[in-house]
Amino acid sequence: MTDERTVKKFASSLRGGVMTGEPLSGHTTFRIGGPARLMILPADADDLMAGLELCAEGGIPYFILGNGSNLVFPDEGFPGAVFKMRSLNRAAVEGARVRAGAGAMLPRLARLAMRNSLGGLEFAAGIPGTAGGAVVMNAGDSDGATGDLVEEVRVLEGGTQKTLRRADLAFAYRHSAFRKRKGAVAVEVVLELRQERDPAEIGRRTAEKIRRRRERFPLSLPNAGSVFRNPAGDYAGRLIEAAGCKGMSEGGAEVSSRHANFIVNRGGATGADVAALIKRVQEKVFESSGVLLEPEVELVRVPV
């Protein structure tokens, strides 16, 4: 349980909201996760920096949370501070660029780009993540990825704010330099798009993206998107289906019968259920094909 003194210190030092015991299941698309010791809603980047400094002073572990669309929190919760970035959600068009706070939702940015006749962000219209999360994991689909569009990212690192360019971020398939720069937190992203003449055509491409996504994926049940990365030259979904894993379940977690690379929460699924099911799928696919699938979904560990 959070001690009253710690809560008062955060609440008096920060301009954003401070909550205790907030269920993390309400902040992830999987609807899984126990309570956060502290949940912080930073008012802006300076507020975020102040909160991170308080964590460093008090030896409090922290986690940076966007929309929670690609992760599973443990059932026992998180014994530190969870910084909910959705409050850093400003977005503006600057010529052929979109400047967005790390907490800005991708579908909103795709609509903003479309209204201003800017192409290139159509793939993001159906991804329920934030700009910051998209940069960290280089989110995208077969037609494009966030890293292809990044011009620069403003980050907090080592107690200072700095700007990183695309070349600094080592973008690759579902990867960026943030994976190794654990202390770096993205707070603002600048995306370089292309000016087009017909916003209606951008709208058509965007609608087609959303239609295809709804047709292919089990979006009616809580999930965290693609569970495994596609191995080189193949598709995780094909390998999982070939291994006979469709419909496999563990507690309330089930490998979707609609798309094999999705695990869905059929009701009451726990983080332990998902972790166990991921392991079983990996084992079955390895037995079937010799391929060890690498998770794309992040299983958040309890700090020790």
C-alpha atoms as a PDB file:
ATOM      1  CA  MET A   1       0.000   0.000   0.000  1.00  0.00           C
ATOM      2  CA  THR A   2       1.269   3.465  -0.844  1.00  0.00           C
ATOM      3  CA  ASP A   3       2.305   5.457   2.166  1.00  0.00           C
ATOM      4  CA  GLU A   4       0.459   8.709   2.665  1.00  0.00           C
ATOM      5  CA  ARG A   5       3.638  10.753   2.698  1.00  0.00           C
ATOM      6  CA  THR A   6       4.691   9.589  -0.757  1.00  0.00           C
ATOM      7  CA  VAL A   7       1.276  10.400  -2.204  1.00  0.00           C
ATOM      8  CA  LYS A   8       1.302  13.875  -0.654  1.00  0.00           C
ATOM      9  CA  LYS A   9       4.784  14.560  -2.014  1.00  0.00           C
ATOM     10  CA  PHE A  10       3.770  13.651  -5.576  1.00  0.00           C
ATOM     11  CA  ALA A  11       0.443  15.488  -5.329  1.00  0.00           C
ATOM     12  CA  SER A  12       2.037  18.676  -3.996  1.00  0.00           C
ATOM     13  CA  SER A  13       4.921  18.640  -6.484  1.00  0.00           C
ATOM     14  CA  LEU A  14       3.019  17.882  -9.700  1.00  0.00           C
ATOM     15  CA  ARG A  15       0.313  19.784 -11.561  1.00  0.00           C
ATOM     16  CA  GLY A  16      -1.205  16.669 -13.092  1.00  0.00           C
ATOM     17  CA  GLY A  17      -3.374  14.048 -11.426  1.00  0.00           C
ATOM     18  CA  VAL A  18      -2.093  11.512  -8.910  1.00  0.00           C
ATOM     19  CA  MET A  19      -4.091   8.351  -8.146  1.00  0.00           C
ATOM     20  CA  THR A  20      -3.400   5.361  -5.924  1.00  0.00           C
ATOM     21  CA  GLY A  21      -4.483   1.756  -6.378  1.00  0.00           C
ATOM     22  CA  GLU A  22      -5.828   2.413  -9.877  1.00  0.00           C
ATOM     23  CA  PRO A  23      -6.673  -0.903 -11.628  1.00  0.00           C
ATOM     24  CA  LEU A  24      -4.462  -1.201 -14.692  1.00  0.00           C
ATOM     25  CA  SER A  25      -7.056  -3.403 -16.363  1.00  0.00           C
ATOM     26  CA  GLY A  26      -8.950  -0.198 -17.132  1.00  0.00           C
ATOM     27  CA  HIS A  27      -5.956   1.249 -18.970  1.00  0.00           C
ATOM     28  CA  THR A  28      -5.102  -1.571 -21.382  1.00  0.00           C
ATOM     29  CA  THR A  29      -6.932  -2.883 -24.423  1.00  0.00           C
ATOM     30  CA  PHE A  30      -6.531  -6.430 -23.047  1.00  0.00           C
ATOM     31  CA  ARG A  31      -8.458  -5.413 -19.891  1.00  0.00           C
ATOM     32  CA  ILE A  32      -5.871  -7.184 -17.735  1.00  0.00           C
ATOM     33  CA  GLY A  33      -3.750  -5.961 -14.819  1.00  0.00           C
ATOM     34  CA  GLY A  34      -3.822  -5.351 -11.090  1.00  0.00           C
ATOM     35  CA  PRO A  35      -3.549  -1.989  -9.284  1.00  0.00           C
ATOM     36  CA  ALA A  36      -0.808   0.581  -9.777  1.00  0.00           C
ATOM     37  CA  ARG A  37       0.802   1.824  -6.595  1.00  0.00           C
ATOM     38  CA  LEU A  38       0.685   5.296  -8.144  1.00  0.00           C
ATOM     39  CA  MET A  39      -0.785   6.463 -11.421  1.00  0.00           C
ATOM     40  CA  ILE A  40       0.430   9.866 -12.597  1.00  0.00           C
ATOM     41  CA  LEU A  41      -1.269  11.965 -15.283  1.00  0.00           C
ATOM     42  CA  PRO A  42       1.472  14.504 -16.103  1.00  0.00           C
ATOM     43  CA  ALA A  43       0.250  17.907 -17.229  1.00  0.00           C
ATOM     44  CA  ASP A  44       3.119  18.346 -19.694  1.00  0.00           C
ATOM     45  CA  ALA A  45       6.724  17.317 -20.340  1.00  0.00           C
ATOM     46  CA  ASP A  46       8.037  19.420 -17.439  1.00  0.00           C
ATOM     47  CA  ASP A  47       5.555  17.754 -15.096  1.00  0.00           C
ATOM     48  CA  LEU A  48       6.646  14.359 -16.382  1.00  0.00           C
ATOM     49  CA  MET A  49      10.294  15.229 -15.736  1.00  0.00           C
ATOM     50  CA  ALA A  50       9.454  16.347 -12.198  1.00  0.00           C
ATOM     51  CA  GLY A  51       7.637  13.083 -11.571  1.00  0.00           C
ATOM     52  CA  LEU A  52      10.536  11.016 -12.876  1.00  0.00           C
ATOM     53  CA  GLU A  53      12.900  12.949 -10.618  1.00  0.00           C
ATOM     54  CA  LEU A  54      10.702  12.142  -7.610  1.00  0.00           C
ATOM     55  CA  CYS A  55      10.833   8.470  -8.565  1.00  0.00           C
ATOM     56  CA  ALA A  56      14.648   8.623  -8.765  1.00  0.00           C
ATOM     57  CA  GLU A  57      14.866  10.331  -5.365  1.00  0.00           C
ATOM     58  CA  GLY A  58      12.576   7.801  -3.703  1.00  0.00           C
ATOM     59  CA  GLY A  59      13.860   4.695  -5.474  1.00  0.00           C
ATOM     60  CA  ILE A  60      10.398   4.147  -6.944  1.00  0.00           C
ATOM     61  CA  PRO A  61      10.226   2.068 -10.152  1.00  0.00           C
ATOM     62  CA  TYR A  62       8.195   3.591 -12.960  1.00  0.00           C
ATOM     63  CA  PHE A  63       6.495   2.594 -16.197  1.00  0.00           C
ATOM     64  CA  ILE A  64       5.554   4.805 -19.155  1.00  0.00           C
ATOM     65  CA  LEU A  65       2.052   3.967 -20.420  1.00  0.00           C
ATOM     66  CA  GLY A  66       0.394   5.140 -23.626  1.00  0.00           C
ATOM     67  CA  ASN A  67      -2.927   3.541 -24.523  1.00  0.00           C
ATOM     68  CA  GLY A  68      -1.879   0.119 -23.247  1.00  0.00           C
ATOM     69  CA  SER A  69      -2.611  -1.530 -26.600  1.00  0.00           C
ATOM     70  CA  ASN A  70       0.487  -3.730 -26.816  1.00  0.00           C
ATOM     71  CA  LEU A  71       1.121  -4.975 -23.313  1.00  0.00           C
ATOM     72  CA  VAL A  72      -0.018  -7.165 -20.440  1.00  0.00           C
ATOM     73  CA  PHE A  73       0.349  -5.989 -16.852  1.00  0.00           C
ATOM     74  CA  PRO A  74       0.832  -8.560 -14.090  1.00  0.00           C
ATOM     75  CA  ASP A  75      -2.160  -9.611 -12.009  1.00  0.00           C
ATOM     76  CA  GLU A  76      -0.518  -8.302  -8.840  1.00  0.00           C
ATOM     77  CA  GLY A  77      -0.262  -4.861 -10.408  1.00  0.00           C
ATOM     78  CA  PHE A  78       2.728  -2.539 -10.562  1.00  0.00           C
ATOM     79  CA  PRO A  79       4.503  -1.571  -7.292  1.00  0.00           C
ATOM     80  CA  GLY A  80       5.666   1.828  -8.511  1.00  0.00           C
ATOM     81  CA  ALA A  81       4.516   4.829 -10.536  1.00  0.00           C
ATOM     82  CA  VAL A  82       2.744   4.412 -13.864  1.00  0.00           C
ATOM     83  CA  PHE A  83       2.878   7.585 -15.968  1.00  0.00           C
ATOM     84  CA  LYS A  84      -0.193   7.724 -18.210  1.00  0.00           C
ATOM     85  CA  MET A  85       0.912   9.686 -21.279  1.00  0.00           C
ATOM     86  CA  ARG A  86      -2.522  10.227 -22.810  1.00  0.00           C
ATOM     87  CA  SER A  87      -2.554  13.701 -21.205  1.00  0.00           C
ATOM     88  CA  LEU A  88       0.330  14.764 -23.501  1.00  0.00           C
ATOM     89  CA  ASN A  89      -1.964  14.760 -26.510  1.00  0.00           C
ATOM     90  CA  ARG A  90      -1.558  18.050 -28.359  1.00  0.00           C
ATOM     91  CA  ALA A  91      -1.282  17.811 -32.140  1.00  0.00           C
ATOM     92  CA  ALA A  92      -0.811  20.399 -34.873  1.00  0.00           C
ATOM     93  CA  VAL A  93      -0.056  20.566 -38.586  1.00  0.00           C
ATOM     94  CA  GLU A  94       3.019  22.524 -39.668  1.00  0.00           C
ATOM     95  CA  GLY A  95       3.157  22.545 -43.465  1.00  0.00           C
ATOM     96  CA  ALA A  96       3.624  18.920 -44.500  1.00  0.00           C
ATOM     97  CA  ARG A  97       4.467  17.860 -40.939  1.00  0.00           C
ATOM     98  CA  VAL A  98       2.411  16.770 -37.942  1.00  0.00           C
ATOM     99  CA  ARG A  99       3.789  17.638 -34.511  1.00  0.00           C
ATOM    100  CA  ALA A 100       2.204  15.505 -31.809  1.00  0.00           C
ATOM    101  CA  GLY A 101       2.557  14.892 -28.105  1.00  0.00           C
ATOM    102  CA  ALA A 102       3.547  11.350 -27.206  1.00  0.00           C
ATOM    103  CA  GLY A 103       0.064  10.689 -25.843  1.00  0.00           C
ATOM    104  CA  ALA A 104      -1.815  11.679 -29.018  1.00  0.00           C
ATOM    105  CA  MET A 105      -3.831   8.763 -30.417  1.00  0.00           C
ATOM    106  CA  LEU A 106      -2.808   7.489 -33.855  1.00  0.00           C
ATOM    107  CA  PRO A 107      -6.359   7.440 -35.359  1.00  0.00           C
ATOM    108  CA  ARG A 108      -6.734  11.106 -34.398  1.00  0.00           C
ATOM    109  CA  LEU A 109      -3.425  11.949 -36.096  1.00  0.00           C
ATOM    110  CA  ALA A 110      -4.508  10.051 -39.223  1.00  0.00           C
ATOM    111  CA  ARG A 111      -7.736  12.102 -39.371  1.00  0.00           C
ATOM    112  CA  LEU A 112      -5.831  15.342 -38.795  1.00  0.00           C
ATOM    113  CA  ALA A 113      -3.470  14.488 -41.650  1.00  0.00           C
ATOM    114  CA  MET A 114      -6.358  13.592 -43.970  1.00  0.00           C
ATOM    115  CA  ARG A 115      -8.206  16.857 -43.282  1.00  0.00           C
ATOM    116  CA  ASN A 116      -5.051  18.743 -44.248  1.00  0.00           C
ATOM    117  CA  SER A 117      -4.429  16.721 -47.435  1.00  0.00           C
ATOM    118  CA  LEU A 118      -1.383  14.996 -45.971  1.00  0.00           C
ATOM    119  CA  GLY A 119      -0.749  11.411 -47.071  1.00  0.00           C
ATOM    120  CA  GLY A 120       1.370   8.673 -45.558  1.00  0.00           C
ATOM    121  CA  LEU A 121      -0.349   8.119 -42.226  1.00  0.00           C
ATOM    122  CA  GLU A 122      -3.301   6.073 -43.461  1.00  0.00           C
ATOM    123  CA  PHE A 123      -1.917   2.873 -41.907  1.00  0.00           C
ATOM    124  CA  ALA A 124      -2.290   4.419 -38.445  1.00  0.00           C
ATOM    125  CA  ALA A 125      -6.055   4.968 -38.687  1.00  0.00           C
ATOM    126  CA  GLY A 126      -6.920   1.598 -37.180  1.00  0.00           C
ATOM    127  CA  ILE A 127      -4.085   1.239 -34.669  1.00  0.00           C
ATOM    128  CA  PRO A 128      -5.315   1.966 -31.115  1.00  0.00           C
ATOM    129  CA  GLY A 129      -1.986   3.285 -29.875  1.00  0.00           C
ATOM    130  CA  THR A 130      -0.299   6.597 -29.144  1.00  0.00           C
ATOM    131  CA  ALA A 131       2.377   8.476 -31.077  1.00  0.00           C
ATOM    132  CA  GLY A 132       5.005   7.774 -28.429  1.00  0.00           C
ATOM    133  CA  GLY A 133       4.251   4.065 -28.285  1.00  0.00           C
ATOM    134  CA  ALA A 134       4.251   3.881 -32.080  1.00  0.00           C
ATOM    135  CA  VAL A 135       7.747   5.365 -32.201  1.00  0.00           C
ATOM    136  CA  VAL A 136       9.129   3.077 -29.489  1.00  0.00           C
ATOM    137  CA  MET A 137       7.921  -0.101 -31.222  1.00  0.00           C
ATOM    138  CA  ASN A 138       7.946   1.281 -34.784  1.00  0.00           C
ATOM    139  CA  ALA A 139       4.280   0.389 -35.195  1.00  0.00           C
ATOM    140  CA  GLY A 140       2.889  -0.143 -38.659  1.00  0.00           C
ATOM    141  CA  ASP A 141       1.590  -2.640 -41.167  1.00  0.00           C
ATOM    142  CA  SER A 142       2.613  -4.097 -44.531  1.00  0.00           C
ATOM    143  CA  ASP A 143       2.217  -0.679 -46.195  1.00  0.00           C
ATOM    144  CA  GLY A 144       4.246   1.473 -43.843  1.00  0.00           C
ATOM    145  CA  ALA A 145       5.725   2.037 -40.405  1.00  0.00           C
ATOM    146  CA  THR A 146       6.021   4.967 -38.035  1.00  0.00           C
ATOM    147  CA  GLY A 147       9.801   5.109 -38.352  1.00  0.00           C
ATOM    148  CA  ASP A 148       9.496   5.808 -42.086  1.00  0.00           C
ATOM    149  CA  LEU A 149       7.798   9.106 -41.236  1.00  0.00           C
ATOM    150  CA  VAL A 150       9.692  10.285 -38.160  1.00  0.00           C
ATOM    151  CA  GLU A 151      11.688  13.465 -38.643  1.00  0.00           C
ATOM    152  CA  GLU A 152      12.561  14.003 -34.988  1.00  0.00           C
ATOM    153  CA  VAL A 153      11.543  12.979 -31.484  1.00  0.00           C
ATOM    154  CA  ARG A 154      11.860  15.104 -28.362  1.00  0.00           C
ATOM    155  CA  VAL A 155      12.877  12.960 -25.406  1.00  0.00           C
ATOM    156  CA  LEU A 156      13.601  13.177 -21.715  1.00  0.00           C
ATOM    157  CA  GLU A 157      16.833  11.408 -20.869  1.00  0.00           C
ATOM    158  CA  GLY A 158      19.210  11.773 -17.966  1.00  0.00           C
ATOM    159  CA  GLY A 159      17.201  14.637 -16.489  1.00  0.00           C
ATOM    160  CA  THR A 160      17.366  16.773 -19.641  1.00  0.00           C
ATOM    161  CA  GLN A 161      15.328  17.277 -22.787  1.00  0.00           C
ATOM    162  CA  LYS A 162      16.968  16.529 -26.115  1.00  0.00           C
ATOM    163  CA  THR A 163      15.977  16.053 -29.736  1.00  0.00           C
ATOM    164  CA  LEU A 164      16.766  12.865 -31.634  1.00  0.00           C
ATOM    165  CA  ARG A 165      16.643  12.622 -35.425  1.00  0.00           C
ATOM    166  CA  ARG A 166      15.446   9.625 -37.407  1.00  0.00           C
ATOM    167  CA  ALA A 167      19.033   8.458 -37.977  1.00  0.00           C
ATOM    168  CA  ASP A 168      19.564   8.317 -34.206  1.00  0.00           C
ATOM    169  CA  LEU A 169      16.710   5.899 -33.623  1.00  0.00           C
ATOM    170  CA  ALA A 170      17.811   2.740 -35.512  1.00  0.00           C
ATOM    171  CA  PHE A 171      14.326   1.912 -36.782  1.00  0.00           C
ATOM    172  CA  ALA A 172      13.795  -1.671 -37.933  1.00  0.00           C
ATOM    173  CA  TYR A 173      10.859  -4.084 -37.989  1.00  0.00           C
ATOM    174  CA  ARG A 174       8.984  -3.455 -34.699  1.00  0.00           C
ATOM    175  CA  HIS A 175      12.139  -2.000 -33.225  1.00  0.00           C
ATOM    176  CA  SER A 176      13.740   1.325 -32.357  1.00  0.00           C
ATOM    177  CA  ALA A 177      16.703   2.512 -30.313  1.00  0.00           C
ATOM    178  CA  PHE A 178      14.282   3.152 -27.429  1.00  0.00           C
ATOM    179  CA  ARG A 179      14.350  -0.592 -26.768  1.00  0.00           C
ATOM    180  CA  LYS A 180      17.926  -0.192 -25.504  1.00  0.00           C
ATOM    181  CA  ARG A 181      17.719   3.398 -24.266  1.00  0.00           C
ATOM    182  CA  LYS A 182      15.585   2.376 -21.289  1.00  0.00           C
ATOM    183  CA  GLY A 183      15.894   5.745 -19.563  1.00  0.00           C
ATOM    184  CA  ALA A 184      14.745   7.733 -22.596  1.00  0.00           C
ATOM    185  CA  VAL A 185      11.090   8.797 -22.712  1.00  0.00           C
ATOM    186  CA  ALA A 186       9.548  10.182 -25.909  1.00  0.00           C
ATOM    187  CA  VAL A 187       7.424  13.267 -25.210  1.00  0.00           C
ATOM    188  CA  GLU A 188       6.868  14.735 -28.690  1.00  0.00           C
ATOM    189  CA  VAL A 189       7.077  13.400 -32.230  1.00  0.00           C
ATOM    190  CA  VAL A 190       7.373  15.212 -35.567  1.00  0.00           C
ATOM    191  CA  LEU A 191       6.153  13.196 -38.570  1.00  0.00           C
ATOM    192  CA  GLU A 192       7.085  14.189 -42.111  1.00  0.00           C
ATOM    193  CA  LEU A 193       4.192  13.452 -44.491  1.00  0.00           C
ATOM    194  CA  ARG A 194       3.500  14.239 -48.150  1.00  0.00           C
ATOM    195  CA  GLN A 195       1.237  17.000 -49.449  1.00  0.00           C
ATOM    196  CA  GLU A 196      -1.513  15.724 -51.739  1.00  0.00           C
ATOM    197  CA  ARG A 197      -4.249  17.462 -53.724  1.00  0.00           C
ATOM    198  CA  ASP A 198      -7.279  15.338 -52.899  1.00  0.00           C
ATOM    199  CA  PRO A 199      -8.175  14.680 -49.235  1.00  0.00           C
ATOM    200  CA  ALA A 200     -11.061  12.500 -50.452  1.00  0.00           C
ATOM    201  CA  GLU A 201      -8.556  10.056 -51.954  1.00  0.00           C
ATOM    202  CA  ILE A 202      -6.659   9.939 -48.663  1.00  0.00           C
ATOM    203  CA  GLY A 203     -10.003   9.290 -46.972  1.00  0.00           C
ATOM    204  CA  ARG A 204     -10.719   6.425 -49.365  1.00  0.00           C
ATOM    205  CA  ARG A 205      -7.374   4.776 -48.621  1.00  0.00           C
ATOM    206  CA  THR A 206      -7.913   5.289 -44.901  1.00  0.00           C
ATOM    207  CA  ALA A 207     -11.396   3.756 -44.987  1.00  0.00           C
ATOM    208  CA  GLU A 208     -10.038   0.761 -46.893  1.00  0.00           C
ATOM    209  CA  LYS A 209      -7.374   0.254 -44.234  1.00  0.00           C
ATOM    210  CA  ILE A 210     -10.000   0.281 -41.478  1.00  0.00           C
ATOM    211  CA  ARG A 211     -12.303  -2.054 -43.446  1.00  0.00           C
ATOM    212  CA  ARG A 212      -9.551  -4.617 -43.992  1.00  0.00           C
ATOM    213  CA  ARG A 213      -8.557  -4.452 -40.337  1.00  0.00           C
ATOM    214  CA  ARG A 214     -12.118  -5.089 -39.176  1.00  0.00           C
ATOM    215  CA  GLU A 215     -12.472  -8.008 -41.566  1.00  0.00           C
ATOM    216  CA  ARG A 216      -9.234  -9.744 -40.574  1.00  0.00           C
ATOM    217  CA  PHE A 217      -8.890  -9.163 -36.836  1.00  0.00           C
ATOM    218  CA  PRO A 218     -11.020 -10.172 -33.799  1.00  0.00           C
ATOM    219  CA  LEU A 219     -11.699  -6.625 -32.665  1.00  0.00           C
ATOM    220  CA  SER A 220     -14.941  -7.396 -30.804  1.00  0.00           C
ATOM    221  CA  LEU A 221     -13.019  -8.962 -27.890  1.00  0.00           C
ATOM    222  CA  PRO A 222     -10.303  -7.380 -25.716  1.00  0.00           C
ATOM    223  CA  ASN A 223      -6.851  -8.052 -27.156  1.00  0.00           C
ATOM    224  CA  ALA A 224      -3.379  -6.531 -27.487  1.00  0.00           C
ATOM    225  CA  GLY A 225      -2.945  -6.779 -31.242  1.00  0.00           C
ATOM    226  CA  SER A 226      -0.458  -9.136 -32.871  1.00  0.00           C
ATOM    227  CA  VAL A 227       1.083 -11.326 -30.192  1.00  0.00           C
ATOM    228  CA  PHE A 228       4.205 -12.432 -32.114  1.00  0.00           C
ATOM    229  CA  ARG A 229       6.527 -10.766 -34.582  1.00  0.00           C
ATOM    230  CA  ASN A 230       6.546 -12.186 -38.082  1.00  0.00           C
ATOM    231  CA  PRO A 231       9.738 -14.219 -38.611  1.00  0.00           C
ATOM    232  CA  ALA A 232      11.783 -13.386 -41.697  1.00  0.00           C
ATOM    233  CA  GLY A 233      10.056 -14.575 -44.849  1.00  0.00           C
ATOM    234  CA  ASP A 234       6.966 -15.915 -43.098  1.00  0.00           C
ATOM    235  CA  TYR A 235       3.950 -14.971 -41.009  1.00  0.00           C
ATOM    236  CA  ALA A 236       3.445 -15.801 -37.345  1.00  0.00           C
ATOM    237  CA  GLY A 237      -0.278 -16.340 -37.909  1.00  0.00           C
ATOM    238  CA  ARG A 238       0.364 -18.975 -40.589  1.00  0.00           C
ATOM    239  CA  LEU A 239       2.832 -20.860 -38.388  1.00  0.00           C
ATOM    240  CA  ILE A 240       0.474 -20.783 -35.391  1.00  0.00           C
ATOM    241  CA  GLU A 241      -2.454 -22.025 -37.453  1.00  0.00           C
ATOM    242  CA  ALA A 242      -0.334 -24.770 -39.061  1.00  0.00           C
ATOM    243  CA  ALA A 243       0.694 -25.921 -35.581  1.00  0.00           C
ATOM    244  CA  GLY A 244      -2.973 -26.414 -34.673  1.00  0.00           C
ATOM    245  CA  CYS A 245      -3.088 -23.647 -32.076  1.00  0.00           C
ATOM    246  CA  LYS A 246      -6.271 -21.851 -33.168  1.00  0.00           C
ATOM    247  CA  GLY A 247      -8.808 -22.041 -30.359  1.00  0.00           C
ATOM    248  CA  MET A 248      -6.205 -23.141 -27.796  1.00  0.00           C
ATOM    249  CA  SER A 249      -7.013 -21.597 -24.414  1.00  0.00           C
ATOM    250  CA  GLU A 250      -5.650 -20.992 -20.947  1.00  0.00           C
ATOM    251  CA  GLY A 251      -8.196 -19.745 -18.438  1.00  0.00           C
ATOM    252  CA  GLY A 252     -10.011 -16.816 -20.066  1.00  0.00           C
ATOM    253  CA  ALA A 253      -7.315 -16.298 -22.716  1.00  0.00           C
ATOM    254  CA  GLU A 254      -7.772 -17.899 -26.143  1.00  0.00           C
ATOM    255  CA  VAL A 255      -5.912 -18.010 -29.452  1.00  0.00           C
ATOM    256  CA  SER A 256      -8.423 -16.369 -31.768  1.00  0.00           C
ATOM    257  CA  SER A 257     -10.216 -18.618 -34.239  1.00  0.00           C
ATOM    258  CA  ARG A 258     -10.399 -15.605 -36.546  1.00  0.00           C
ATOM    259  CA  HIS A 259      -6.704 -14.686 -36.655  1.00  0.00           C
ATOM    260  CA  ALA A 260      -4.152 -17.030 -35.120  1.00  0.00           C
ATOM    261  CA  ASN A 261      -1.697 -14.270 -34.169  1.00  0.00           C
ATOM    262  CA  PHE A 262      -4.222 -12.733 -31.777  1.00  0.00           C
ATOM    263  CA  ILE A 263      -4.945 -13.839 -28.235  1.00  0.00           C
ATOM    264  CA  VAL A 264      -8.310 -12.601 -26.989  1.00  0.00           C
ATOM    265  CA  ASN A 265      -9.737 -12.135 -23.519  1.00  0.00           C
ATOM    266  CA  ARG A 266     -12.979 -14.119 -23.523  1.00  0.00           C
ATOM    267  CA  GLY A 267     -13.723 -12.919 -19.998  1.00  0.00           C
ATOM    268  CA  GLY A 268     -11.732 -13.006 -16.795  1.00  0.00           C
ATOM    269  CA  ALA A 269      -8.385 -13.675 -18.445  1.00  0.00           C
ATOM    270  CA  THR A 270      -5.375 -12.955 -16.252  1.00  0.00           C
ATOM    271  CA  GLY A 271      -1.842 -11.957 -17.091  1.00  0.00           C
ATOM    272  CA  ALA A 272      -0.741 -15.420 -15.984  1.00  0.00           C
ATOM    273  CA  ASP A 273      -3.230 -16.973 -18.438  1.00  0.00           C
ATOM    274  CA  VAL A 274      -1.809 -14.948 -21.325  1.00  0.00           C
ATOM    275  CA  ALA A 275       1.814 -15.664 -20.382  1.00  0.00           C
ATOM    276  CA  ALA A 276       1.105 -19.400 -20.147  1.00  0.00           C
ATOM    277  CA  LEU A 277      -0.732 -19.417 -23.482  1.00  0.00           C
ATOM    278  CA  ILE A 278       2.110 -17.536 -25.209  1.00  0.00           C
ATOM    279  CA  LYS A 279       4.566 -20.150 -23.930  1.00  0.00           C
ATOM    280  CA  ARG A 280       2.378 -23.040 -25.118  1.00  0.00           C
ATOM    281  CA  VAL A 281       2.006 -21.511 -28.582  1.00  0.00           C
ATOM    282  CA  GLN A 282       5.774 -20.983 -28.826  1.00  0.00           C
ATOM    283  CA  GLU A 283       6.379 -24.616 -27.888  1.00  0.00           C
ATOM    284  CA  LYS A 284       3.811 -25.979 -30.364  1.00  0.00           C
ATOM    285  CA  VAL A 285       5.118 -23.822 -33.233  1.00  0.00           C
ATOM    286  CA  PHE A 286       8.714 -24.808 -32.469  1.00  0.00           C
ATOM    287  CA  GLU A 287       7.758 -28.494 -32.468  1.00  0.00           C
ATOM    288  CA  SER A 288       5.892 -28.037 -35.758  1.00  0.00           C
ATOM    289  CA  SER A 289       8.275 -25.806 -37.714  1.00  0.00           C
ATOM    290  CA  GLY A 290      11.501 -25.310 -35.768  1.00  0.00           C
ATOM    291  CA  VAL A 291      10.754 -21.585 -35.535  1.00  0.00           C
ATOM    292  CA  LEU A 292      10.850 -19.916 -32.111  1.00  0.00           C
ATOM    293  CA  LEU A 293       8.361 -17.074 -32.287  1.00  0.00           C
ATOM    294  CA  GLU A 294       9.373 -13.816 -30.630  1.00  0.00           C
ATOM    295  CA  PRO A 295       6.629 -11.969 -28.714  1.00  0.00           C
ATOM    296  CA  GLU A 296       5.595  -8.550 -29.968  1.00  0.00           C
ATOM    297  CA  VAL A 297       3.303  -8.027 -26.982  1.00  0.00           C
ATOM    298  CA  GLU A 298       5.162  -6.810 -23.892  1.00  0.00           C
ATOM    299  CA  LEU A 299       4.658  -8.785 -20.695  1.00  0.00           C
ATOM    300  CA  VAL A 300       5.359  -6.177 -18.008  1.00  0.00           C
ATOM    301  CA  ARG A 301       7.495  -7.620 -15.220  1.00  0.00           C
ATOM    302  CA  VAL A 302       7.177  -6.704 -11.550  1.00  0.00           C
ATOM    303  CA  PRO A 303      10.411  -4.894 -10.577  1.00  0.00           C
ATOM    304  CA  VAL A 304      12.419  -6.601  -7.835  1.00  0.00           C
END
